[in-house]
N, C-alpha and C. Protein backbone atom coordinates (compact mmCIF):
# COMPACT_ATOMS: atom_id res chain seq x y z
N MET A 1 117.10 49.50 8.12
CA MET A 1 117.15 48.09 8.53
C MET A 1 116.17 47.88 9.69
N ALA A 2 115.33 46.83 9.57
CA ALA A 2 114.34 46.57 10.60
C ALA A 2 115.00 46.07 11.86
N ARG A 3 114.30 46.25 12.97
CA ARG A 3 114.86 45.86 14.26
C ARG A 3 115.14 44.36 14.32
N LYS A 4 114.26 43.51 13.77
CA LYS A 4 114.47 42.07 13.80
C LYS A 4 115.72 41.68 13.02
N GLN A 5 115.92 42.36 11.88
CA GLN A 5 117.11 42.07 11.07
C GLN A 5 118.38 42.47 11.82
N VAL A 6 118.32 43.61 12.49
CA VAL A 6 119.48 44.07 13.23
C VAL A 6 119.79 43.10 14.38
N VAL A 7 118.76 42.63 15.04
CA VAL A 7 118.96 41.69 16.15
C VAL A 7 119.57 40.39 15.64
N ALA A 8 119.07 39.88 14.50
CA ALA A 8 119.60 38.64 13.93
C ALA A 8 121.06 38.80 13.53
N LEU A 9 121.36 39.95 12.91
CA LEU A 9 122.74 40.20 12.51
C LEU A 9 123.65 40.36 13.71
N ALA A 10 123.15 40.97 14.75
CA ALA A 10 123.93 41.13 15.97
C ALA A 10 124.25 39.77 16.58
N GLY A 11 123.27 38.86 16.55
CA GLY A 11 123.52 37.52 17.08
C GLY A 11 124.59 36.80 16.28
N SER A 12 124.52 36.91 14.97
CA SER A 12 125.53 36.28 14.13
C SER A 12 126.90 36.87 14.38
N LEU A 13 126.95 38.19 14.53
CA LEU A 13 128.22 38.85 14.78
C LEU A 13 128.81 38.42 16.12
N LEU A 14 127.96 38.31 17.12
CA LEU A 14 128.43 37.89 18.44
C LEU A 14 129.01 36.48 18.38
N LEU A 15 128.35 35.60 17.65
CA LEU A 15 128.84 34.23 17.50
C LEU A 15 130.19 34.21 16.79
N ALA A 16 130.29 35.07 15.75
CA ALA A 16 131.55 35.13 15.01
C ALA A 16 132.68 35.63 15.89
N MET A 17 132.40 36.62 16.73
CA MET A 17 133.44 37.15 17.61
C MET A 17 133.87 36.11 18.64
N ILE A 18 132.92 35.32 19.14
CA ILE A 18 133.27 34.26 20.09
C ILE A 18 134.15 33.21 19.43
N LEU A 19 133.80 32.87 18.19
CA LEU A 19 134.60 31.88 17.46
C LEU A 19 136.02 32.38 17.23
N LEU A 20 136.14 33.66 16.92
CA LEU A 20 137.46 34.22 16.70
C LEU A 20 138.31 34.14 17.96
N LEU A 21 137.67 34.25 19.10
CA LEU A 21 138.41 34.23 20.36
C LEU A 21 138.79 32.83 20.80
N VAL A 22 137.94 31.85 20.52
CA VAL A 22 138.17 30.52 21.10
C VAL A 22 138.54 29.45 20.08
N VAL A 23 138.28 29.69 18.81
CA VAL A 23 138.56 28.65 17.80
C VAL A 23 139.62 29.16 16.84
N PRO A 24 140.76 28.54 16.80
CA PRO A 24 141.79 28.97 15.83
C PRO A 24 141.39 28.61 14.41
N ILE A 25 141.80 29.43 13.48
CA ILE A 25 141.49 29.19 12.07
C ILE A 25 142.83 28.94 11.37
N PRO A 26 143.17 27.67 11.09
CA PRO A 26 144.53 27.32 10.63
C PRO A 26 144.90 27.95 9.30
N PHE A 27 143.92 28.02 8.38
CA PHE A 27 144.29 28.47 7.03
C PHE A 27 144.48 29.96 6.93
N LEU A 28 144.17 30.70 7.99
CA LEU A 28 144.38 32.15 7.97
C LEU A 28 145.74 32.48 8.59
N GLY A 29 146.48 33.28 7.87
CA GLY A 29 147.72 33.77 8.45
C GLY A 29 147.43 34.93 9.39
N PRO A 30 148.47 35.48 9.97
CA PRO A 30 148.28 36.61 10.90
C PRO A 30 147.55 37.78 10.25
N ASP A 31 147.93 38.09 8.99
CA ASP A 31 147.28 39.23 8.32
C ASP A 31 145.82 38.94 8.01
N GLY A 32 145.54 37.73 7.55
CA GLY A 32 144.15 37.37 7.25
C GLY A 32 143.29 37.36 8.51
N TYR A 33 143.88 36.83 9.57
CA TYR A 33 143.14 36.78 10.84
C TYR A 33 142.84 38.20 11.32
N GLN A 34 143.83 39.09 11.17
CA GLN A 34 143.65 40.48 11.59
C GLN A 34 142.58 41.17 10.74
N ALA A 35 142.60 40.87 9.42
CA ALA A 35 141.61 41.47 8.53
C ALA A 35 140.20 41.01 8.88
N LEU A 36 140.08 39.71 9.19
CA LEU A 36 138.77 39.18 9.56
C LEU A 36 138.27 39.82 10.85
N ALA A 37 139.19 39.95 11.81
CA ALA A 37 138.81 40.56 13.07
C ALA A 37 138.37 42.01 12.87
N SER A 38 139.11 42.71 11.98
CA SER A 38 138.74 44.10 11.69
C SER A 38 137.37 44.18 11.04
N GLY A 39 137.10 43.22 10.14
CA GLY A 39 135.79 43.20 9.49
C GLY A 39 134.67 42.95 10.47
N VAL A 40 134.90 42.01 11.36
CA VAL A 40 133.89 41.73 12.38
C VAL A 40 133.67 42.95 13.26
N GLN A 41 134.77 43.63 13.62
CA GLN A 41 134.66 44.82 14.45
C GLN A 41 133.88 45.93 13.74
N ALA A 42 134.17 46.10 12.43
CA ALA A 42 133.45 47.11 11.65
C ALA A 42 131.96 46.79 11.59
N ALA A 43 131.67 45.50 11.39
CA ALA A 43 130.26 45.10 11.37
C ALA A 43 129.59 45.40 12.70
N GLY A 44 130.37 45.19 13.79
CA GLY A 44 129.82 45.51 15.11
C GLY A 44 129.46 46.97 15.24
N VAL A 45 130.34 47.82 14.71
CA VAL A 45 130.08 49.27 14.75
C VAL A 45 128.81 49.60 13.97
N ILE A 46 128.68 48.99 12.79
CA ILE A 46 127.51 49.25 11.95
C ILE A 46 126.23 48.82 12.66
N ILE A 47 126.29 47.64 13.27
CA ILE A 47 125.10 47.15 13.97
C ILE A 47 124.76 48.04 15.15
N THR A 48 125.80 48.49 15.87
CA THR A 48 125.56 49.40 17.00
C THR A 48 124.88 50.68 16.53
N LEU A 49 125.38 51.21 15.40
CA LEU A 49 124.74 52.40 14.84
C LEU A 49 123.32 52.11 14.42
N GLY A 50 123.11 50.90 13.90
CA GLY A 50 121.75 50.52 13.53
C GLY A 50 120.82 50.51 14.73
N PHE A 51 121.31 49.93 15.85
CA PHE A 51 120.51 49.94 17.08
C PHE A 51 120.20 51.37 17.53
N ILE A 52 121.23 52.22 17.47
CA ILE A 52 121.03 53.62 17.87
C ILE A 52 119.98 54.29 16.99
N GLY A 53 120.08 54.04 15.67
CA GLY A 53 119.12 54.62 14.75
C GLY A 53 117.71 54.16 15.02
N ILE A 54 117.57 52.85 15.29
CA ILE A 54 116.24 52.32 15.59
C ILE A 54 115.67 52.95 16.85
N GLU A 55 116.51 53.05 17.89
CA GLU A 55 116.04 53.65 19.15
C GLU A 55 115.65 55.11 18.96
N MET A 56 116.45 55.82 18.14
CA MET A 56 116.13 57.23 17.88
C MET A 56 114.80 57.35 17.14
N ASN A 57 114.60 56.48 16.13
CA ASN A 57 113.33 56.52 15.39
C ASN A 57 112.15 56.19 16.30
N GLN A 58 112.36 55.18 17.14
CA GLN A 58 111.28 54.83 18.06
C GLN A 58 110.99 55.96 19.05
N SER A 59 112.08 56.61 19.50
CA SER A 59 111.91 57.72 20.42
C SER A 59 111.15 58.87 19.76
N ARG A 60 111.51 59.17 18.50
CA ARG A 60 110.80 60.23 17.77
C ARG A 60 109.34 59.85 17.56
N ALA A 61 109.11 58.58 17.18
CA ALA A 61 107.73 58.14 16.96
C ALA A 61 106.92 58.23 18.25
N THR A 62 107.55 57.83 19.36
CA THR A 62 106.86 57.91 20.65
C THR A 62 106.56 59.36 21.01
N SER A 63 107.53 60.25 20.76
CA SER A 63 107.33 61.67 21.06
C SER A 63 106.22 62.25 20.21
N ARG A 64 106.19 61.88 18.92
CA ARG A 64 105.14 62.38 18.04
C ARG A 64 103.77 61.87 18.49
N ALA A 65 103.74 60.58 18.85
CA ALA A 65 102.46 60.01 19.30
C ALA A 65 101.99 60.70 20.58
N ARG A 66 102.93 60.96 21.50
CA ARG A 66 102.56 61.61 22.75
C ARG A 66 102.08 63.04 22.50
N ALA A 67 102.80 63.74 21.59
CA ALA A 67 102.40 65.12 21.27
C ALA A 67 101.02 65.15 20.62
N GLN A 68 100.76 64.18 19.72
CA GLN A 68 99.46 64.13 19.07
C GLN A 68 98.36 63.81 20.07
N ALA A 69 98.67 62.90 20.99
CA ALA A 69 97.69 62.56 22.03
C ALA A 69 97.38 63.78 22.89
N ASP A 70 98.42 64.58 23.21
CA ASP A 70 98.20 65.79 24.00
C ASP A 70 97.33 66.79 23.23
N LEU A 71 97.61 66.93 21.92
CA LEU A 71 96.81 67.84 21.09
C LEU A 71 95.37 67.38 21.00
N ASP A 72 95.18 66.08 20.86
CA ASP A 72 93.82 65.54 20.79
C ASP A 72 93.07 65.78 22.10
N GLU A 73 93.78 65.64 23.21
CA GLU A 73 93.15 65.85 24.51
C GLU A 73 92.78 67.33 24.70
N ILE A 74 93.68 68.22 24.26
CA ILE A 74 93.40 69.66 24.34
C ILE A 74 92.18 70.00 23.48
N ALA A 75 92.15 69.43 22.26
CA ALA A 75 91.02 69.69 21.36
C ALA A 75 89.72 69.17 21.96
N ARG A 76 89.78 68.00 22.59
CA ARG A 76 88.58 67.44 23.20
C ARG A 76 88.08 68.32 24.34
N ARG A 77 89.01 68.79 25.17
CA ARG A 77 88.61 69.65 26.29
C ARG A 77 88.07 70.98 25.80
N ASP A 78 88.71 71.53 24.74
CA ASP A 78 88.22 72.79 24.17
C ASP A 78 86.81 72.63 23.63
N GLU A 79 86.56 71.50 22.96
CA GLU A 79 85.23 71.27 22.41
C GLU A 79 84.20 71.11 23.52
N GLU A 80 84.57 70.41 24.58
CA GLU A 80 83.65 70.26 25.71
C GLU A 80 83.35 71.62 26.34
N ARG A 81 84.41 72.42 26.49
CA ARG A 81 84.22 73.75 27.08
C ARG A 81 83.35 74.62 26.16
N SER A 82 83.60 74.56 24.85
CA SER A 82 82.80 75.35 23.92
C SER A 82 81.34 74.91 23.94
N ARG A 83 81.14 73.61 24.03
CA ARG A 83 79.77 73.09 24.10
C ARG A 83 79.08 73.58 25.38
N GLY A 84 79.83 73.57 26.47
CA GLY A 84 79.26 74.07 27.73
C GLY A 84 78.92 75.54 27.67
N ARG A 85 79.80 76.34 27.03
CA ARG A 85 79.53 77.77 26.88
C ARG A 85 78.30 78.01 26.02
N ARG A 86 78.17 77.25 24.93
CA ARG A 86 77.00 77.41 24.07
C ARG A 86 75.72 77.05 24.81
N GLN A 87 75.78 75.97 25.59
CA GLN A 87 74.61 75.56 26.34
C GLN A 87 74.22 76.61 27.39
N ALA A 88 75.23 77.14 28.09
CA ALA A 88 74.96 78.17 29.10
C ALA A 88 74.37 79.43 28.45
N THR A 89 74.88 79.77 27.26
CA THR A 89 74.37 80.94 26.55
C THR A 89 72.91 80.74 26.16
N LEU A 90 72.61 79.56 25.63
CA LEU A 90 71.23 79.26 25.25
C LEU A 90 70.29 79.38 26.45
N GLU A 91 70.72 78.86 27.57
CA GLU A 91 69.85 78.88 28.75
C GLU A 91 69.61 80.31 29.26
N PHE A 92 70.69 81.10 29.33
CA PHE A 92 70.52 82.47 29.84
C PHE A 92 69.73 83.31 28.84
N ALA A 93 70.05 83.15 27.56
CA ALA A 93 69.33 83.93 26.54
C ALA A 93 67.86 83.54 26.52
N ARG A 94 67.60 82.25 26.71
CA ARG A 94 66.20 81.81 26.73
C ARG A 94 65.44 82.44 27.91
N SER A 95 66.09 82.50 29.06
CA SER A 95 65.43 83.11 30.22
C SER A 95 65.23 84.61 29.99
N THR A 96 66.17 85.25 29.29
CA THR A 96 66.02 86.68 28.98
C THR A 96 64.85 86.89 28.03
N LEU A 97 64.75 86.03 27.02
CA LEU A 97 63.62 86.13 26.10
C LEU A 97 62.29 85.86 26.82
N ASP A 98 62.32 84.89 27.71
CA ASP A 98 61.09 84.60 28.47
C ASP A 98 60.66 85.82 29.27
N TYR A 99 61.65 86.52 29.87
CA TYR A 99 61.31 87.72 30.62
C TYR A 99 60.73 88.78 29.69
N ARG A 100 61.36 88.92 28.53
CA ARG A 100 60.86 89.93 27.58
C ARG A 100 59.43 89.62 27.14
N TYR A 101 59.18 88.36 26.84
CA TYR A 101 57.84 87.99 26.38
C TYR A 101 56.80 88.11 27.50
N SER A 102 57.22 87.89 28.73
CA SER A 102 56.29 88.03 29.85
C SER A 102 55.89 89.48 30.06
N ASN A 103 56.68 90.41 29.50
CA ASN A 103 56.38 91.84 29.62
C ASN A 103 56.01 92.43 28.25
N TRP A 104 55.52 91.58 27.40
CA TRP A 104 55.24 92.02 26.02
C TRP A 104 54.24 93.18 25.97
N GLU A 105 53.23 93.12 26.80
CA GLU A 105 52.21 94.17 26.78
C GLU A 105 52.68 95.43 27.50
N ALA A 106 53.55 95.26 28.47
CA ALA A 106 53.97 96.41 29.29
C ALA A 106 55.03 97.26 28.59
N LEU A 107 55.90 96.63 27.79
CA LEU A 107 57.01 97.35 27.15
C LEU A 107 56.79 97.42 25.65
N PRO A 108 57.19 98.53 25.04
CA PRO A 108 57.05 98.63 23.59
C PRO A 108 58.01 97.66 22.89
N GLU A 109 57.70 97.36 21.63
CA GLU A 109 58.56 96.49 20.84
C GLU A 109 59.98 97.07 20.75
N ASP A 110 60.98 96.22 20.99
CA ASP A 110 62.37 96.69 21.00
C ASP A 110 62.78 97.33 19.69
N PHE A 111 62.18 96.89 18.58
CA PHE A 111 62.57 97.40 17.26
C PHE A 111 61.85 98.71 16.91
N ASP A 112 60.94 99.14 17.75
CA ASP A 112 60.17 100.36 17.48
C ASP A 112 60.82 101.53 18.21
N ARG A 113 61.71 102.23 17.51
CA ARG A 113 62.46 103.33 18.14
C ARG A 113 61.53 104.40 18.68
N GLY A 114 60.54 104.79 17.90
CA GLY A 114 59.65 105.87 18.32
C GLY A 114 58.90 105.52 19.61
N ALA A 115 58.39 104.29 19.70
CA ALA A 115 57.65 103.89 20.88
C ALA A 115 58.56 103.81 22.10
N VAL A 116 59.77 103.31 21.90
CA VAL A 116 60.71 103.21 23.02
C VAL A 116 61.08 104.60 23.53
N GLU A 117 61.40 105.50 22.62
CA GLU A 117 61.80 106.85 23.02
C GLU A 117 60.64 107.60 23.68
N SER A 118 59.44 107.35 23.22
CA SER A 118 58.26 107.98 23.85
C SER A 118 58.13 107.52 25.30
N MET A 119 58.32 106.23 25.55
CA MET A 119 58.27 105.72 26.92
C MET A 119 59.39 106.32 27.76
N VAL A 120 60.58 106.40 27.19
CA VAL A 120 61.72 106.93 27.93
C VAL A 120 61.48 108.40 28.29
N ASN A 121 60.92 109.16 27.39
CA ASN A 121 60.61 110.56 27.68
C ASN A 121 59.62 110.69 28.85
N GLU A 122 58.73 109.72 28.96
CA GLU A 122 57.81 109.70 30.09
C GLU A 122 58.57 109.44 31.40
N PHE A 123 59.58 108.55 31.32
CA PHE A 123 60.41 108.31 32.50
C PHE A 123 61.14 109.58 32.91
N ILE A 124 61.75 110.23 31.92
CA ILE A 124 62.56 111.42 32.21
C ILE A 124 61.69 112.54 32.80
N ALA A 125 60.48 112.67 32.30
CA ALA A 125 59.57 113.72 32.79
C ALA A 125 58.95 113.36 34.12
N GLY A 126 59.13 112.13 34.57
CA GLY A 126 58.57 111.72 35.85
C GLY A 126 57.11 111.36 35.79
N ARG A 127 56.58 111.19 34.58
CA ARG A 127 55.15 110.91 34.45
C ARG A 127 54.84 109.41 34.43
N GLU A 128 55.86 108.59 34.27
CA GLU A 128 55.65 107.14 34.19
C GLU A 128 56.75 106.42 34.95
N GLN A 129 56.37 105.68 35.96
CA GLN A 129 57.33 104.93 36.75
C GLN A 129 56.98 103.44 36.85
N ARG A 130 55.77 103.08 36.43
CA ARG A 130 55.31 101.71 36.62
C ARG A 130 56.16 100.69 35.87
N THR A 131 56.61 101.07 34.68
CA THR A 131 57.38 100.11 33.87
C THR A 131 58.89 100.32 33.97
N LEU A 132 59.31 101.31 34.75
CA LEU A 132 60.75 101.58 34.84
C LEU A 132 61.52 100.37 35.36
N GLY A 133 61.00 99.74 36.39
CA GLY A 133 61.68 98.58 36.95
C GLY A 133 61.81 97.45 35.95
N ARG A 134 60.80 97.27 35.12
CA ARG A 134 60.85 96.21 34.12
C ARG A 134 61.92 96.49 33.06
N VAL A 135 62.03 97.75 32.67
CA VAL A 135 63.07 98.12 31.71
C VAL A 135 64.45 97.90 32.32
N LEU A 136 64.61 98.31 33.56
CA LEU A 136 65.91 98.14 34.22
C LEU A 136 66.28 96.67 34.33
N GLU A 137 65.33 95.83 34.64
CA GLU A 137 65.63 94.40 34.76
C GLU A 137 65.95 93.80 33.39
N TYR A 138 65.20 94.18 32.39
CA TYR A 138 65.44 93.66 31.05
C TYR A 138 66.82 94.06 30.53
N LEU A 139 67.13 95.34 30.63
CA LEU A 139 68.45 95.79 30.18
C LEU A 139 69.56 95.19 31.04
N GLY A 140 69.27 94.97 32.31
CA GLY A 140 70.25 94.33 33.18
C GLY A 140 70.55 92.91 32.75
N LEU A 141 69.52 92.18 32.32
CA LEU A 141 69.74 90.82 31.82
C LEU A 141 70.60 90.84 30.56
N LEU A 142 70.32 91.76 29.66
CA LEU A 142 71.12 91.86 28.44
C LEU A 142 72.56 92.26 28.75
N GLU A 143 72.73 93.17 29.68
CA GLU A 143 74.09 93.58 30.07
C GLU A 143 74.85 92.41 30.68
N THR A 144 74.16 91.58 31.48
CA THR A 144 74.81 90.41 32.06
C THR A 144 75.24 89.42 30.98
N LEU A 145 74.37 89.20 30.01
CA LEU A 145 74.72 88.32 28.89
C LEU A 145 75.97 88.82 28.17
N CYS A 146 76.00 90.09 27.87
CA CYS A 146 77.12 90.65 27.12
C CYS A 146 78.40 90.68 27.96
N THR A 147 78.26 90.90 29.24
CA THR A 147 79.43 90.84 30.14
C THR A 147 79.97 89.42 30.19
N GLY A 148 79.06 88.43 30.20
CA GLY A 148 79.48 87.04 30.18
C GLY A 148 80.26 86.70 28.92
N ILE A 149 79.89 87.30 27.81
CA ILE A 149 80.65 87.09 26.58
C ILE A 149 82.05 87.69 26.71
N LYS A 150 82.12 88.89 27.26
CA LYS A 150 83.43 89.52 27.44
C LYS A 150 84.33 88.67 28.34
N LEU A 151 83.75 88.05 29.35
CA LEU A 151 84.51 87.23 30.29
C LEU A 151 84.71 85.79 29.80
N ASP A 152 84.25 85.52 28.58
CA ASP A 152 84.40 84.19 27.97
C ASP A 152 83.59 83.12 28.70
N ILE A 153 82.52 83.55 29.33
CA ILE A 153 81.60 82.61 29.97
C ILE A 153 80.53 82.16 28.98
N TYR A 154 80.03 83.11 28.20
CA TYR A 154 79.02 82.83 27.19
C TYR A 154 79.62 82.93 25.79
N ASP A 155 78.91 82.38 24.83
CA ASP A 155 79.40 82.30 23.45
C ASP A 155 78.73 83.37 22.59
N ALA A 156 79.54 84.22 21.99
CA ALA A 156 79.02 85.36 21.23
C ALA A 156 78.23 84.90 20.00
N ARG A 157 78.76 83.92 19.27
CA ARG A 157 78.09 83.47 18.05
C ARG A 157 76.71 82.87 18.35
N THR A 158 76.61 82.14 19.45
CA THR A 158 75.32 81.56 19.83
C THR A 158 74.31 82.66 20.13
N LEU A 159 74.73 83.67 20.89
CA LEU A 159 73.83 84.78 21.20
C LEU A 159 73.45 85.53 19.94
N TYR A 160 74.40 85.70 19.05
CA TYR A 160 74.13 86.40 17.79
C TYR A 160 73.07 85.67 16.97
N GLU A 161 73.22 84.36 16.84
CA GLU A 161 72.27 83.59 16.04
C GLU A 161 70.88 83.60 16.68
N LEU A 162 70.82 83.58 17.99
CA LEU A 162 69.53 83.50 18.68
C LEU A 162 68.88 84.86 18.88
N TYR A 163 69.70 85.89 19.14
CA TYR A 163 69.18 87.11 19.74
C TYR A 163 69.87 88.37 19.19
N GLY A 164 70.72 88.19 18.17
CA GLY A 164 71.58 89.30 17.73
C GLY A 164 70.82 90.54 17.29
N GLY A 165 69.78 90.37 16.44
CA GLY A 165 69.05 91.54 15.95
C GLY A 165 68.37 92.30 17.06
N ARG A 166 67.85 91.58 18.04
CA ARG A 166 67.17 92.25 19.15
C ARG A 166 68.16 92.97 20.06
N VAL A 167 69.34 92.38 20.25
CA VAL A 167 70.37 93.05 21.05
C VAL A 167 70.76 94.37 20.40
N VAL A 168 70.96 94.35 19.08
CA VAL A 168 71.34 95.57 18.36
C VAL A 168 70.23 96.61 18.46
N ALA A 169 69.00 96.20 18.20
CA ALA A 169 67.87 97.15 18.24
C ALA A 169 67.67 97.73 19.63
N THR A 170 67.80 96.90 20.64
CA THR A 170 67.60 97.38 22.02
C THR A 170 68.67 98.39 22.41
N ALA A 171 69.93 98.06 22.10
CA ALA A 171 71.02 98.98 22.45
C ALA A 171 70.85 100.32 21.74
N GLN A 172 70.41 100.29 20.50
CA GLN A 172 70.25 101.52 19.74
C GLN A 172 69.02 102.30 20.18
N ASN A 173 67.89 101.63 20.28
CA ASN A 173 66.64 102.33 20.54
C ASN A 173 66.50 102.78 21.99
N TYR A 174 67.24 102.12 22.88
CA TYR A 174 67.26 102.56 24.28
C TYR A 174 68.44 103.49 24.56
N GLY A 175 69.04 104.02 23.51
CA GLY A 175 70.18 104.92 23.69
C GLY A 175 69.86 106.12 24.57
N LEU A 176 68.67 106.70 24.38
CA LEU A 176 68.26 107.85 25.20
C LEU A 176 68.12 107.44 26.66
N PHE A 177 67.55 106.26 26.89
CA PHE A 177 67.38 105.77 28.26
C PHE A 177 68.74 105.54 28.91
N ILE A 178 69.67 104.94 28.16
CA ILE A 178 71.00 104.65 28.69
C ILE A 178 71.73 105.94 29.06
N ALA A 179 71.65 106.93 28.18
CA ALA A 179 72.30 108.21 28.46
C ALA A 179 71.67 108.88 29.69
N TRP A 180 70.38 108.81 29.80
CA TRP A 180 69.68 109.39 30.95
C TRP A 180 70.10 108.72 32.25
N ARG A 181 70.16 107.40 32.28
CA ARG A 181 70.54 106.69 33.49
C ARG A 181 72.00 106.97 33.88
N ARG A 182 72.86 107.08 32.90
CA ARG A 182 74.26 107.40 33.20
C ARG A 182 74.38 108.77 33.85
N ASP A 183 73.68 109.75 33.29
CA ASP A 183 73.73 111.10 33.86
C ASP A 183 73.07 111.13 35.23
N LEU A 184 71.96 110.43 35.37
CA LEU A 184 71.22 110.45 36.61
C LEU A 184 72.02 109.83 37.76
N LEU A 185 72.71 108.72 37.47
CA LEU A 185 73.46 107.99 38.50
C LEU A 185 74.94 108.35 38.52
N GLY A 186 75.40 109.10 37.54
CA GLY A 186 76.82 109.44 37.48
C GLY A 186 77.71 108.23 37.21
N LYS A 187 77.19 107.25 36.46
CA LYS A 187 77.95 106.02 36.15
C LYS A 187 78.07 105.87 34.64
N LYS A 188 79.24 106.22 34.14
CA LYS A 188 79.47 106.14 32.70
C LYS A 188 79.62 104.70 32.21
N SER A 189 79.79 103.77 33.14
CA SER A 189 80.01 102.37 32.76
C SER A 189 78.72 101.59 32.56
N LEU A 190 77.56 102.22 32.82
CA LEU A 190 76.29 101.52 32.69
C LEU A 190 76.07 101.05 31.24
N TYR A 191 75.80 99.78 31.07
CA TYR A 191 75.42 99.18 29.80
C TYR A 191 76.50 99.29 28.71
N VAL A 192 77.76 99.45 29.11
CA VAL A 192 78.82 99.57 28.11
C VAL A 192 79.03 98.25 27.37
N GLU A 193 78.84 97.12 28.06
CA GLU A 193 79.03 95.84 27.40
C GLU A 193 77.89 95.56 26.43
N LEU A 194 76.69 95.98 26.78
CA LEU A 194 75.56 95.84 25.86
C LEU A 194 75.82 96.64 24.59
N GLU A 195 76.26 97.86 24.73
CA GLU A 195 76.53 98.70 23.56
C GLU A 195 77.69 98.13 22.74
N SER A 196 78.73 97.67 23.42
CA SER A 196 79.89 97.12 22.73
C SER A 196 79.53 95.87 21.94
N GLN A 197 78.77 94.97 22.57
CA GLN A 197 78.40 93.73 21.88
C GLN A 197 77.42 94.01 20.75
N ALA A 198 76.53 94.98 20.95
CA ALA A 198 75.60 95.34 19.89
C ALA A 198 76.36 95.87 18.67
N ALA A 199 77.38 96.67 18.90
CA ALA A 199 78.19 97.19 17.80
C ALA A 199 78.89 96.04 17.06
N GLU A 200 79.36 95.05 17.81
CA GLU A 200 80.01 93.90 17.19
C GLU A 200 79.01 93.08 16.38
N PHE A 201 77.82 92.89 16.92
CA PHE A 201 76.78 92.15 16.19
C PHE A 201 76.37 92.89 14.92
N GLU A 202 76.32 94.20 15.02
CA GLU A 202 75.97 95.00 13.85
C GLU A 202 77.02 94.82 12.76
N ARG A 203 78.27 94.77 13.17
CA ARG A 203 79.36 94.56 12.20
C ARG A 203 79.23 93.17 11.57
N TRP A 204 78.93 92.17 12.36
CA TRP A 204 78.74 90.82 11.82
C TRP A 204 77.60 90.78 10.81
N THR A 205 76.53 91.51 11.11
CA THR A 205 75.38 91.54 10.21
C THR A 205 75.77 92.12 8.86
N ARG A 206 76.58 93.17 8.88
CA ARG A 206 77.04 93.77 7.62
C ARG A 206 77.92 92.78 6.85
N LEU A 207 78.76 92.05 7.55
CA LEU A 207 79.63 91.09 6.89
C LEU A 207 78.84 89.91 6.32
N ASP A 208 77.77 89.54 7.00
CA ASP A 208 76.96 88.40 6.55
C ASP A 208 76.03 88.77 5.40
N ALA A 209 75.82 90.07 5.21
CA ALA A 209 74.86 90.51 4.19
C ALA A 209 75.37 90.19 2.79
């Protein structure tokens, strides 16, 4: 029953109850009068229940609307945060690529395992130090990117789409360099996030194949 109908019926019932109280009905005997009063009372109960039902439905509808509004707001904030993470990832990855390209002639191609290992062997033998700082800075940038992903600052999928193959190749082909630096400095935690993210990207590549 609609709220307007319940209100109209309640008004009619109230009028009937007032009439019963103030206007005698000659043709009704005591039993008839009692029956009519009981009927009016029963109708009052029904209308009261109708009001309660309407209020409950409205309360449920309001609660559902509020819950949906909260979910929509959470979704909006999540999307804004995800967009911000993707943008931050693009910017940092772009600066990392810019650094790599600025050292294109000084460092071997990341995908060329033989050339990378040859350079690293020169580092280990102490015969080449000029490019060591550039390698350290480059790998440091990649490690920072991957650490940012672990900390949920940067977006892994964005980095994968932009830079995934190079991250995997660098982590693999610089494996000798990474092992050497860990032993040299006694820090087993060096470049662990780079290696971990590279392994994850490699798994994604297999799944996408």
